[in-house]
């Protein structure tokens, strides 16, 4: 809650985050490369996003990663460091990946130093990835943004927060379809009703093993293995999840020569080869292949 006399639309002074490791490219890919849909970059190079219903701005100035928010009493540097995975465990994860013996992975990591997995809210990530089938990143952002604008809280500066599943449960499938969700409207509406009927379900997922949580999420309408893995990786913090989309399938098929392997075999390969950090390796592959860095 904002203290009396603090203008929630008045930005605070820029502050710095030490030891971030980002480059302009890896920051852009981390925020805008398909794992989050709440960030936009303006013409001055400043990133504007929403974290836990708070507007946050980020920019790289030389070697400094600087941040700013309108509501310092609700959001701290510690919160941002957690969200951006800026702590010693990130470097430990980088050191653990098999880049020393895997030249393909090494090339990807050398091209995008600092790229990482954001620690995002599970409920919000589930919503955005229900919108994702056969949709581009800009299309997902546009549709999700409209839902937040209509049903979510206004945060000022033209930004709106995620409405939450309890609010989405009050929205009809037709209303979702009117927002150009197409067949995804049925899945969003169905998921909202499921969560309404099982209020502790989302919170319980993080207490499960990866395989158990994956099985649970795939019970939702429209959720297959890829969406389940995206939700668990980007919203559940389960770094062993390895979503295989067209970009990752291209990497595995062409770079690792797994042409005749089934999807199940490719998943097994990834889990064995990259271990419990397969999802971090996946993000390096996804961005490198998408940006044609390989």
C-alpha atoms as a PDB file:
ATOM      1  CA  UNK A   1       0.000   0.000   0.000  1.00  0.00           C
ATOM      2  CA  UNK A   2       1.360   3.425  -0.970  1.00  0.00           C
ATOM      3  CA  UNK A   3       1.990   5.773   1.926  1.00  0.00           C
ATOM      4  CA  UNK A   4      -0.038   8.980   2.116  1.00  0.00           C
ATOM      5  CA  UNK A   5       1.587  11.802   0.218  1.00  0.00           C
ATOM      6  CA  UNK A   6       3.478   9.547  -2.212  1.00  0.00           C
ATOM      7  CA  UNK A   7       2.416  10.109  -5.817  1.00  0.00           C
ATOM      8  CA  UNK A   8       2.130   6.646  -7.362  1.00  0.00           C
ATOM      9  CA  UNK A   9       2.599   8.131 -10.847  1.00  0.00           C
ATOM     10  CA  UNK A  10       5.791  10.006  -9.938  1.00  0.00           C
ATOM     11  CA  UNK A  11       8.908   7.963 -10.791  1.00  0.00           C
ATOM     12  CA  UNK A  12      11.664   7.669  -8.212  1.00  0.00           C
ATOM     13  CA  UNK A  13      15.356   8.267  -8.896  1.00  0.00           C
ATOM     14  CA  UNK A  14      17.212   5.654 -10.924  1.00  0.00           C
ATOM     15  CA  UNK A  15      19.081   3.076  -8.853  1.00  0.00           C
ATOM     16  CA  UNK A  16      21.702   0.521  -9.949  1.00  0.00           C
ATOM     17  CA  UNK A  17      21.802  -3.264  -9.815  1.00  0.00           C
ATOM     18  CA  UNK A  18      25.286  -4.612  -9.271  1.00  0.00           C
ATOM     19  CA  UNK A  19      26.632  -7.852 -10.727  1.00  0.00           C
ATOM     20  CA  UNK A  20      23.860  -8.182 -13.293  1.00  0.00           C
ATOM     21  CA  UNK A  21      25.901  -9.589 -16.209  1.00  0.00           C
ATOM     22  CA  UNK A  22      23.447  -8.427 -18.883  1.00  0.00           C
ATOM     23  CA  UNK A  23      24.310  -7.013 -22.283  1.00  0.00           C
ATOM     24  CA  UNK A  24      21.773  -4.962 -24.222  1.00  0.00           C
ATOM     25  CA  UNK A  25      21.040  -8.012 -26.356  1.00  0.00           C
ATOM     26  CA  UNK A  26      20.654 -10.511 -23.513  1.00  0.00           C
ATOM     27  CA  UNK A  27      18.458  -8.105 -21.546  1.00  0.00           C
ATOM     28  CA  UNK A  28      16.251  -7.619 -24.603  1.00  0.00           C
ATOM     29  CA  UNK A  29      15.954 -11.369 -25.096  1.00  0.00           C
ATOM     30  CA  UNK A  30      15.277 -12.012 -21.424  1.00  0.00           C
ATOM     31  CA  UNK A  31      12.487  -9.421 -21.242  1.00  0.00           C
ATOM     32  CA  UNK A  32      11.087  -9.556 -24.763  1.00  0.00           C
ATOM     33  CA  UNK A  33      12.134 -12.891 -26.215  1.00  0.00           C
ATOM     34  CA  UNK A  34       9.077 -14.988 -25.491  1.00  0.00           C
ATOM     35  CA  UNK A  35       9.178 -15.916 -21.819  1.00  0.00           C
ATOM     36  CA  UNK A  36       7.420 -12.743 -20.635  1.00  0.00           C
ATOM     37  CA  UNK A  37       4.761 -10.614 -22.311  1.00  0.00           C
ATOM     38  CA  UNK A  38       4.577  -7.575 -20.020  1.00  0.00           C
ATOM     39  CA  UNK A  39       7.641  -5.643 -21.180  1.00  0.00           C
ATOM     40  CA  UNK A  40       8.010  -2.968 -23.890  1.00  0.00           C
ATOM     41  CA  UNK A  41      11.023  -0.903 -24.913  1.00  0.00           C
ATOM     42  CA  UNK A  42      10.661   2.759 -25.819  1.00  0.00           C
ATOM     43  CA  UNK A  43      12.676   4.788 -28.319  1.00  0.00           C
ATOM     44  CA  UNK A  44      15.128   5.807 -25.584  1.00  0.00           C
ATOM     45  CA  UNK A  45      15.968   2.163 -24.919  1.00  0.00           C
ATOM     46  CA  UNK A  46      14.125   2.039 -21.579  1.00  0.00           C
ATOM     47  CA  UNK A  47      12.190  -1.131 -20.770  1.00  0.00           C
ATOM     48  CA  UNK A  48       8.767  -0.642 -19.147  1.00  0.00           C
ATOM     49  CA  UNK A  49       7.149  -3.622 -17.438  1.00  0.00           C
ATOM     50  CA  UNK A  50       4.877  -4.778 -14.646  1.00  0.00           C
ATOM     51  CA  UNK A  51       6.074  -6.981 -11.790  1.00  0.00           C
ATOM     52  CA  UNK A  52       3.571  -7.979  -9.105  1.00  0.00           C
ATOM     53  CA  UNK A  53       1.243  -5.096 -10.029  1.00  0.00           C
ATOM     54  CA  UNK A  54       4.057  -2.528  -9.898  1.00  0.00           C
ATOM     55  CA  UNK A  55       5.411  -0.592 -12.881  1.00  0.00           C
ATOM     56  CA  UNK A  56       9.169  -1.074 -13.219  1.00  0.00           C
ATOM     57  CA  UNK A  57      11.587   0.522 -15.683  1.00  0.00           C
ATOM     58  CA  UNK A  58      14.987  -0.845 -16.644  1.00  0.00           C
ATOM     59  CA  UNK A  59      17.816   0.536 -18.738  1.00  0.00           C
ATOM     60  CA  UNK A  60      21.454  -0.245 -19.418  1.00  0.00           C
ATOM     61  CA  UNK A  61      23.757   2.757 -19.108  1.00  0.00           C
ATOM     62  CA  UNK A  62      27.276   1.687 -19.965  1.00  0.00           C
ATOM     63  CA  UNK A  63      28.034  -1.172 -17.607  1.00  0.00           C
ATOM     64  CA  UNK A  64      25.238  -0.202 -15.230  1.00  0.00           C
ATOM     65  CA  UNK A  65      21.801  -1.793 -15.130  1.00  0.00           C
ATOM     66  CA  UNK A  66      19.522   0.853 -13.670  1.00  0.00           C
ATOM     67  CA  UNK A  67      15.961   0.555 -12.433  1.00  0.00           C
ATOM     68  CA  UNK A  68      13.132   2.793 -11.383  1.00  0.00           C
ATOM     69  CA  UNK A  69       9.610   2.391 -10.032  1.00  0.00           C
ATOM     70  CA  UNK A  70       6.730   4.641  -9.015  1.00  0.00           C
ATOM     71  CA  UNK A  71       5.947   2.760  -5.814  1.00  0.00           C
ATOM     72  CA  UNK A  72       9.110   2.095  -3.793  1.00  0.00           C
ATOM     73  CA  UNK A  73       7.157   1.128  -0.685  1.00  0.00           C
ATOM     74  CA  UNK A  74       5.628  -1.833  -2.544  1.00  0.00           C
ATOM     75  CA  UNK A  75       8.655  -2.979  -4.517  1.00  0.00           C
ATOM     76  CA  UNK A  76      12.304  -3.213  -3.477  1.00  0.00           C
ATOM     77  CA  UNK A  77      15.676  -3.884  -5.030  1.00  0.00           C
ATOM     78  CA  UNK A  78      15.537  -7.317  -3.400  1.00  0.00           C
ATOM     79  CA  UNK A  79      12.281  -8.030  -5.257  1.00  0.00           C
ATOM     80  CA  UNK A  80      13.847  -7.024  -8.566  1.00  0.00           C
ATOM     81  CA  UNK A  81      17.024  -9.045  -7.991  1.00  0.00           C
ATOM     82  CA  UNK A  82      14.837 -12.080  -7.349  1.00  0.00           C
ATOM     83  CA  UNK A  83      12.708 -11.484 -10.462  1.00  0.00           C
ATOM     84  CA  UNK A  84      15.776 -11.065 -12.699  1.00  0.00           C
ATOM     85  CA  UNK A  85      17.617 -14.022 -11.113  1.00  0.00           C
ATOM     86  CA  UNK A  86      20.564 -11.841 -10.132  1.00  0.00           C
ATOM     87  CA  UNK A  87      22.213 -13.881  -7.403  1.00  0.00           C
ATOM     88  CA  UNK A  88      25.000 -16.410  -6.991  1.00  0.00           C
ATOM     89  CA  UNK A  89      22.803 -19.326  -8.074  1.00  0.00           C
ATOM     90  CA  UNK A  90      22.697 -17.968 -11.625  1.00  0.00           C
ATOM     91  CA  UNK A  91      26.469 -18.212 -12.077  1.00  0.00           C
ATOM     92  CA  UNK A  92      26.387 -21.627 -10.446  1.00  0.00           C
ATOM     93  CA  UNK A  93      23.796 -22.702 -13.009  1.00  0.00           C
ATOM     94  CA  UNK A  94      25.905 -21.337 -15.869  1.00  0.00           C
ATOM     95  CA  UNK A  95      28.940 -23.217 -14.590  1.00  0.00           C
ATOM     96  CA  UNK A  96      26.916 -26.431 -14.288  1.00  0.00           C
ATOM     97  CA  UNK A  97      25.686 -26.531 -17.892  1.00  0.00           C
ATOM     98  CA  UNK A  98      27.792 -28.808 -20.147  1.00  0.00           C
ATOM     99  CA  UNK A  99      29.203 -26.022 -22.342  1.00  0.00           C
ATOM    100  CA  UNK A 100      32.778 -27.261 -21.852  1.00  0.00           C
ATOM    101  CA  UNK A 101      32.028 -30.395 -23.866  1.00  0.00           C
ATOM    102  CA  UNK A 102      29.158 -29.069 -25.991  1.00  0.00           C
ATOM    103  CA  UNK A 103      30.379 -26.588 -28.592  1.00  0.00           C
ATOM    104  CA  UNK A 104      26.855 -25.807 -29.798  1.00  0.00           C
ATOM    105  CA  UNK A 105      25.719 -24.766 -26.344  1.00  0.00           C
ATOM    106  CA  UNK A 106      28.996 -22.921 -25.758  1.00  0.00           C
ATOM    107  CA  UNK A 107      28.461 -20.825 -28.898  1.00  0.00           C
ATOM    108  CA  UNK A 108      24.943 -19.894 -27.806  1.00  0.00           C
ATOM    109  CA  UNK A 109      26.090 -18.916 -24.333  1.00  0.00           C
ATOM    110  CA  UNK A 110      29.007 -16.881 -25.683  1.00  0.00           C
ATOM    111  CA  UNK A 111      26.591 -14.987 -27.945  1.00  0.00           C
ATOM    112  CA  UNK A 112      24.163 -14.098 -25.157  1.00  0.00           C
ATOM    113  CA  UNK A 113      26.017 -13.635 -21.873  1.00  0.00           C
ATOM    114  CA  UNK A 114      23.627 -12.843 -19.045  1.00  0.00           C
ATOM    115  CA  UNK A 115      20.547 -14.408 -20.633  1.00  0.00           C
ATOM    116  CA  UNK A 116      18.419 -15.997 -17.940  1.00  0.00           C
ATOM    117  CA  UNK A 117      15.009 -17.283 -16.899  1.00  0.00           C
ATOM    118  CA  UNK A 118      12.809 -14.714 -15.164  1.00  0.00           C
ATOM    119  CA  UNK A 119      11.052 -15.634 -11.926  1.00  0.00           C
ATOM    120  CA  UNK A 120       7.483 -14.734 -12.857  1.00  0.00           C
ATOM    121  CA  UNK A 121       4.070 -15.290 -11.227  1.00  0.00           C
ATOM    122  CA  UNK A 122       2.656 -18.699 -12.082  1.00  0.00           C
ATOM    123  CA  UNK A 123      -0.933 -17.510 -12.512  1.00  0.00           C
ATOM    124  CA  UNK A 124       0.042 -14.822 -15.018  1.00  0.00           C
ATOM    125  CA  UNK A 125       2.321 -17.107 -17.013  1.00  0.00           C
ATOM    126  CA  UNK A 126      -0.385 -19.762 -17.267  1.00  0.00           C
ATOM    127  CA  UNK A 127      -2.739 -17.172 -18.739  1.00  0.00           C
ATOM    128  CA  UNK A 128      -0.290 -15.887 -21.348  1.00  0.00           C
ATOM    129  CA  UNK A 129       0.751 -19.330 -22.527  1.00  0.00           C
ATOM    130  CA  UNK A 130      -2.878 -20.362 -22.926  1.00  0.00           C
ATOM    131  CA  UNK A 131      -2.934 -17.583 -25.539  1.00  0.00           C
ATOM    132  CA  UNK A 132       0.245 -18.785 -27.241  1.00  0.00           C
ATOM    133  CA  UNK A 133      -0.738 -21.594 -29.656  1.00  0.00           C
ATOM    134  CA  UNK A 134      -0.091 -20.482 -33.242  1.00  0.00           C
ATOM    135  CA  UNK A 135       0.483 -16.905 -32.092  1.00  0.00           C
ATOM    136  CA  UNK A 136       3.551 -14.665 -32.385  1.00  0.00           C
ATOM    137  CA  UNK A 137       5.029 -12.799 -29.421  1.00  0.00           C
ATOM    138  CA  UNK A 138       3.462  -9.445 -30.495  1.00  0.00           C
ATOM    139  CA  UNK A 139       0.063 -11.117 -30.925  1.00  0.00           C
ATOM    140  CA  UNK A 140       0.208 -12.719 -27.472  1.00  0.00           C
ATOM    141  CA  UNK A 141       1.189  -9.383 -25.935  1.00  0.00           C
ATOM    142  CA  UNK A 142      -1.603  -7.553 -27.748  1.00  0.00           C
ATOM    143  CA  UNK A 143      -4.340  -9.971 -26.697  1.00  0.00           C
ATOM    144  CA  UNK A 144      -3.090 -10.319 -23.132  1.00  0.00           C
ATOM    145  CA  UNK A 145      -2.708  -6.559 -22.874  1.00  0.00           C
ATOM    146  CA  UNK A 146      -6.318  -6.023 -23.938  1.00  0.00           C
ATOM    147  CA  UNK A 147      -7.533  -8.440 -21.275  1.00  0.00           C
ATOM    148  CA  UNK A 148      -5.526  -6.620 -18.606  1.00  0.00           C
ATOM    149  CA  UNK A 149      -6.701  -3.230 -19.854  1.00  0.00           C
ATOM    150  CA  UNK A 150     -10.363  -4.214 -19.665  1.00  0.00           C
ATOM    151  CA  UNK A 151     -10.425  -6.446 -16.588  1.00  0.00           C
ATOM    152  CA  UNK A 152      -7.216  -5.686 -14.666  1.00  0.00           C
ATOM    153  CA  UNK A 153      -6.290  -2.890 -12.253  1.00  0.00           C
ATOM    154  CA  UNK A 154      -5.018   0.405 -13.639  1.00  0.00           C
ATOM    155  CA  UNK A 155      -1.453   1.040 -12.471  1.00  0.00           C
ATOM    156  CA  UNK A 156      -0.992   4.457 -14.077  1.00  0.00           C
ATOM    157  CA  UNK A 157       1.142   5.480 -17.046  1.00  0.00           C
ATOM    158  CA  UNK A 158      -1.136   3.483 -19.349  1.00  0.00           C
ATOM    159  CA  UNK A 159      -0.215   0.182 -17.690  1.00  0.00           C
ATOM    160  CA  UNK A 160      -2.602  -2.406 -16.264  1.00  0.00           C
ATOM    161  CA  UNK A 161      -1.988  -5.416 -14.070  1.00  0.00           C
ATOM    162  CA  UNK A 162      -3.007  -9.022 -14.602  1.00  0.00           C
ATOM    163  CA  UNK A 163      -6.662  -9.394 -13.505  1.00  0.00           C
ATOM    164  CA  UNK A 164      -6.159 -12.688 -11.687  1.00  0.00           C
ATOM    165  CA  UNK A 165      -8.059 -15.913 -12.304  1.00  0.00           C
ATOM    166  CA  UNK A 166     -10.897 -15.071  -9.913  1.00  0.00           C
ATOM    167  CA  UNK A 167     -11.701 -12.022 -12.039  1.00  0.00           C
ATOM    168  CA  UNK A 168     -11.290 -13.959 -15.283  1.00  0.00           C
ATOM    169  CA  UNK A 169     -13.793 -16.528 -13.981  1.00  0.00           C
ATOM    170  CA  UNK A 170     -16.441 -13.780 -14.201  1.00  0.00           C
ATOM    171  CA  UNK A 171     -15.765 -13.265 -17.931  1.00  0.00           C
ATOM    172  CA  UNK A 172     -17.733 -15.251 -20.483  1.00  0.00           C
ATOM    173  CA  UNK A 173     -16.213 -17.236 -23.320  1.00  0.00           C
ATOM    174  CA  UNK A 174     -17.973 -14.898 -25.757  1.00  0.00           C
ATOM    175  CA  UNK A 175     -16.297 -11.862 -24.187  1.00  0.00           C
ATOM    176  CA  UNK A 176     -12.942 -13.559 -24.606  1.00  0.00           C
ATOM    177  CA  UNK A 177     -13.769 -14.387 -28.220  1.00  0.00           C
ATOM    178  CA  UNK A 178     -14.651 -10.747 -28.827  1.00  0.00           C
ATOM    179  CA  UNK A 179     -11.040  -9.961 -27.882  1.00  0.00           C
ATOM    180  CA  UNK A 180      -9.890 -12.081 -30.824  1.00  0.00           C
ATOM    181  CA  UNK A 181      -8.757 -15.070 -28.802  1.00  0.00           C
ATOM    182  CA  UNK A 182     -10.384 -17.464 -31.253  1.00  0.00           C
ATOM    183  CA  UNK A 183     -10.537 -21.063 -30.039  1.00  0.00           C
ATOM    184  CA  UNK A 184      -8.218 -20.106 -27.152  1.00  0.00           C
ATOM    185  CA  UNK A 185     -11.192 -18.347 -25.527  1.00  0.00           C
ATOM    186  CA  UNK A 186     -12.688 -21.718 -24.624  1.00  0.00           C
ATOM    187  CA  UNK A 187      -9.441 -22.802 -22.989  1.00  0.00           C
ATOM    188  CA  UNK A 188      -9.048 -19.593 -20.977  1.00  0.00           C
ATOM    189  CA  UNK A 189     -12.672 -19.648 -19.838  1.00  0.00           C
ATOM    190  CA  UNK A 190     -12.462 -23.349 -18.973  1.00  0.00           C
ATOM    191  CA  UNK A 191      -9.240 -22.872 -17.016  1.00  0.00           C
ATOM    192  CA  UNK A 192     -10.741 -19.931 -15.116  1.00  0.00           C
ATOM    193  CA  UNK A 193     -13.696 -22.064 -14.047  1.00  0.00           C
ATOM    194  CA  UNK A 194     -11.423 -24.958 -13.068  1.00  0.00           C
ATOM    195  CA  UNK A 195      -9.271 -22.704 -10.885  1.00  0.00           C
ATOM    196  CA  UNK A 196     -12.394 -21.141  -9.359  1.00  0.00           C
ATOM    197  CA  UNK A 197     -13.536 -24.644  -8.381  1.00  0.00           C
ATOM    198  CA  UNK A 198     -10.059 -25.607  -7.117  1.00  0.00           C
ATOM    199  CA  UNK A 199      -8.785 -22.440  -5.372  1.00  0.00           C
ATOM    200  CA  UNK A 200      -5.655 -24.077  -3.933  1.00  0.00           C
ATOM    201  CA  UNK A 201      -4.673 -25.869  -7.132  1.00  0.00           C
ATOM    202  CA  UNK A 202      -2.226 -23.324  -8.561  1.00  0.00           C
ATOM    203  CA  UNK A 203      -0.388 -22.890  -5.289  1.00  0.00           C
ATOM    204  CA  UNK A 204      -0.050 -26.639  -4.871  1.00  0.00           C
ATOM    205  CA  UNK A 205       1.811 -27.107  -8.157  1.00  0.00           C
ATOM    206  CA  UNK A 206       5.103 -25.806  -6.783  1.00  0.00           C
ATOM    207  CA  UNK A 207       4.977 -28.448  -4.065  1.00  0.00           C
ATOM    208  CA  UNK A 208       4.946 -31.232  -6.654  1.00  0.00           C
ATOM    209  CA  UNK A 209       7.799 -32.780  -8.576  1.00  0.00           C
ATOM    210  CA  UNK A 210       8.300 -31.613 -12.147  1.00  0.00           C
ATOM    211  CA  UNK A 211       6.671 -34.721 -13.635  1.00  0.00           C
ATOM    212  CA  UNK A 212       3.723 -34.531 -11.245  1.00  0.00           C
ATOM    213  CA  UNK A 213       3.171 -30.826 -11.917  1.00  0.00           C
ATOM    214  CA  UNK A 214       3.407 -31.389 -15.681  1.00  0.00           C
ATOM    215  CA  UNK A 215       0.733 -34.082 -15.488  1.00  0.00           C
ATOM    216  CA  UNK A 216      -1.511 -31.784 -13.434  1.00  0.00           C
ATOM    217  CA  UNK A 217      -1.234 -28.827 -15.813  1.00  0.00           C
ATOM    218  CA  UNK A 218      -1.967 -31.027 -18.815  1.00  0.00           C
ATOM    219  CA  UNK A 219      -5.414 -31.679 -17.312  1.00  0.00           C
ATOM    220  CA  UNK A 220      -6.370 -28.111 -18.249  1.00  0.00           C
ATOM    221  CA  UNK A 221      -8.199 -27.507 -21.552  1.00  0.00           C
ATOM    222  CA  UNK A 222      -5.845 -26.858 -24.445  1.00  0.00           C
ATOM    223  CA  UNK A 223      -2.664 -27.630 -22.509  1.00  0.00           C
ATOM    224  CA  UNK A 224      -0.238 -30.079 -24.063  1.00  0.00           C
ATOM    225  CA  UNK A 225       3.332 -30.879 -23.164  1.00  0.00           C
ATOM    226  CA  UNK A 226       4.910 -27.749 -24.652  1.00  0.00           C
ATOM    227  CA  UNK A 227       2.588 -25.299 -22.897  1.00  0.00           C
ATOM    228  CA  UNK A 228       2.906 -27.238 -19.643  1.00  0.00           C
ATOM    229  CA  UNK A 229       6.694 -27.026 -19.870  1.00  0.00           C
ATOM    230  CA  UNK A 230       6.578 -23.296 -20.643  1.00  0.00           C
ATOM    231  CA  UNK A 231       4.351 -22.652 -17.629  1.00  0.00           C
ATOM    232  CA  UNK A 232       6.537 -24.708 -15.293  1.00  0.00           C
ATOM    233  CA  UNK A 233       9.780 -23.198 -16.580  1.00  0.00           C
ATOM    234  CA  UNK A 234       8.792 -19.537 -16.759  1.00  0.00           C
ATOM    235  CA  UNK A 235       6.236 -19.420 -13.943  1.00  0.00           C
ATOM    236  CA  UNK A 236       6.994 -22.399 -11.749  1.00  0.00           C
ATOM    237  CA  UNK A 237      10.775 -22.091 -11.526  1.00  0.00           C
ATOM    238  CA  UNK A 238      11.235 -25.719 -12.599  1.00  0.00           C
ATOM    239  CA  UNK A 239      14.432 -25.424 -14.603  1.00  0.00           C
ATOM    240  CA  UNK A 240      14.356 -29.056 -15.726  1.00  0.00           C
ATOM    241  CA  UNK A 241      11.375 -28.261 -17.990  1.00  0.00           C
ATOM    242  CA  UNK A 242      12.404 -28.208 -21.660  1.00  0.00           C
ATOM    243  CA  UNK A 243       9.714 -26.773 -23.970  1.00  0.00           C
ATOM    244  CA  UNK A 244      10.164 -27.920 -27.562  1.00  0.00           C
ATOM    245  CA  UNK A 245       8.729 -25.518 -30.131  1.00  0.00           C
ATOM    246  CA  UNK A 246       9.712 -25.122 -33.781  1.00  0.00           C
ATOM    247  CA  UNK A 247      12.942 -23.266 -32.904  1.00  0.00           C
ATOM    248  CA  UNK A 248      14.087 -25.854 -30.373  1.00  0.00           C
ATOM    249  CA  UNK A 249      13.093 -28.710 -32.657  1.00  0.00           C
ATOM    250  CA  UNK A 250      15.239 -27.130 -35.363  1.00  0.00           C
ATOM    251  CA  UNK A 251      18.211 -26.983 -32.979  1.00  0.00           C
ATOM    252  CA  UNK A 252      17.814 -30.611 -31.929  1.00  0.00           C
ATOM    253  CA  UNK A 253      17.216 -31.825 -35.479  1.00  0.00           C
ATOM    254  CA  UNK A 254      19.829 -29.834 -37.365  1.00  0.00           C
ATOM    255  CA  UNK A 255      22.479 -28.989 -34.769  1.00  0.00           C
ATOM    256  CA  UNK A 256      22.383 -32.215 -32.768  1.00  0.00           C
ATOM    257  CA  UNK A 257      21.421 -34.403 -35.756  1.00  0.00           C
ATOM    258  CA  UNK A 258      18.380 -35.989 -34.125  1.00  0.00           C
ATOM    259  CA  UNK A 259      16.472 -36.098 -37.430  1.00  0.00           C
ATOM    260  CA  UNK A 260      14.768 -39.440 -36.900  1.00  0.00           C
ATOM    261  CA  UNK A 261      14.060 -39.026 -33.186  1.00  0.00           C
ATOM    262  CA  UNK A 262      10.534 -38.736 -31.824  1.00  0.00           C
ATOM    263  CA  UNK A 263       9.471 -35.853 -29.593  1.00  0.00           C
ATOM    264  CA  UNK A 264       9.607 -38.138 -26.575  1.00  0.00           C
ATOM    265  CA  UNK A 265      13.145 -39.220 -27.477  1.00  0.00           C
ATOM    266  CA  UNK A 266      14.242 -35.601 -27.947  1.00  0.00           C
ATOM    267  CA  UNK A 267      12.867 -34.702 -24.527  1.00  0.00           C
ATOM    268  CA  UNK A 268      14.730 -37.624 -22.983  1.00  0.00           C
ATOM    269  CA  UNK A 269      17.932 -36.529 -24.705  1.00  0.00           C
ATOM    270  CA  UNK A 270      17.565 -32.977 -23.393  1.00  0.00           C
ATOM    271  CA  UNK A 271      16.868 -34.094 -19.830  1.00  0.00           C
ATOM    272  CA  UNK A 272      19.859 -36.460 -19.846  1.00  0.00           C
ATOM    273  CA  UNK A 273      22.308 -34.185 -21.655  1.00  0.00           C
ATOM    274  CA  UNK A 274      21.482 -30.870 -19.946  1.00  0.00           C
ATOM    275  CA  UNK A 275      20.305 -32.255 -16.615  1.00  0.00           C
ATOM    276  CA  UNK A 276      18.203 -30.304 -14.140  1.00  0.00           C
ATOM    277  CA  UNK A 277      19.060 -27.035 -15.920  1.00  0.00           C
ATOM    278  CA  UNK A 278      17.720 -28.115 -19.317  1.00  0.00           C
ATOM    279  CA  UNK A 279      15.326 -25.160 -19.353  1.00  0.00           C
ATOM    280  CA  UNK A 280      18.153 -22.641 -19.114  1.00  0.00           C
ATOM    281  CA  UNK A 281      19.956 -24.338 -21.993  1.00  0.00           C
ATOM    282  CA  UNK A 282      16.682 -24.247 -23.916  1.00  0.00           C
ATOM    283  CA  UNK A 283      16.493 -20.466 -23.556  1.00  0.00           C
ATOM    284  CA  UNK A 284      19.991 -20.035 -24.971  1.00  0.00           C
ATOM    285  CA  UNK A 285      19.029 -22.241 -27.924  1.00  0.00           C
ATOM    286  CA  UNK A 286      15.696 -20.525 -28.488  1.00  0.00           C
ATOM    287  CA  UNK A 287      17.152 -17.018 -28.590  1.00  0.00           C
ATOM    288  CA  UNK A 288      20.264 -17.981 -30.565  1.00  0.00           C
ATOM    289  CA  UNK A 289      18.301 -19.797 -33.260  1.00  0.00           C
ATOM    290  CA  UNK A 290      15.611 -17.104 -33.431  1.00  0.00           C
ATOM    291  CA  UNK A 291      18.250 -14.362 -33.765  1.00  0.00           C
ATOM    292  CA  UNK A 292      20.311 -16.430 -36.217  1.00  0.00           C
ATOM    293  CA  UNK A 293      23.351 -16.440 -33.986  1.00  0.00           C
ATOM    294  CA  UNK A 294      24.096 -20.110 -34.623  1.00  0.00           C
END
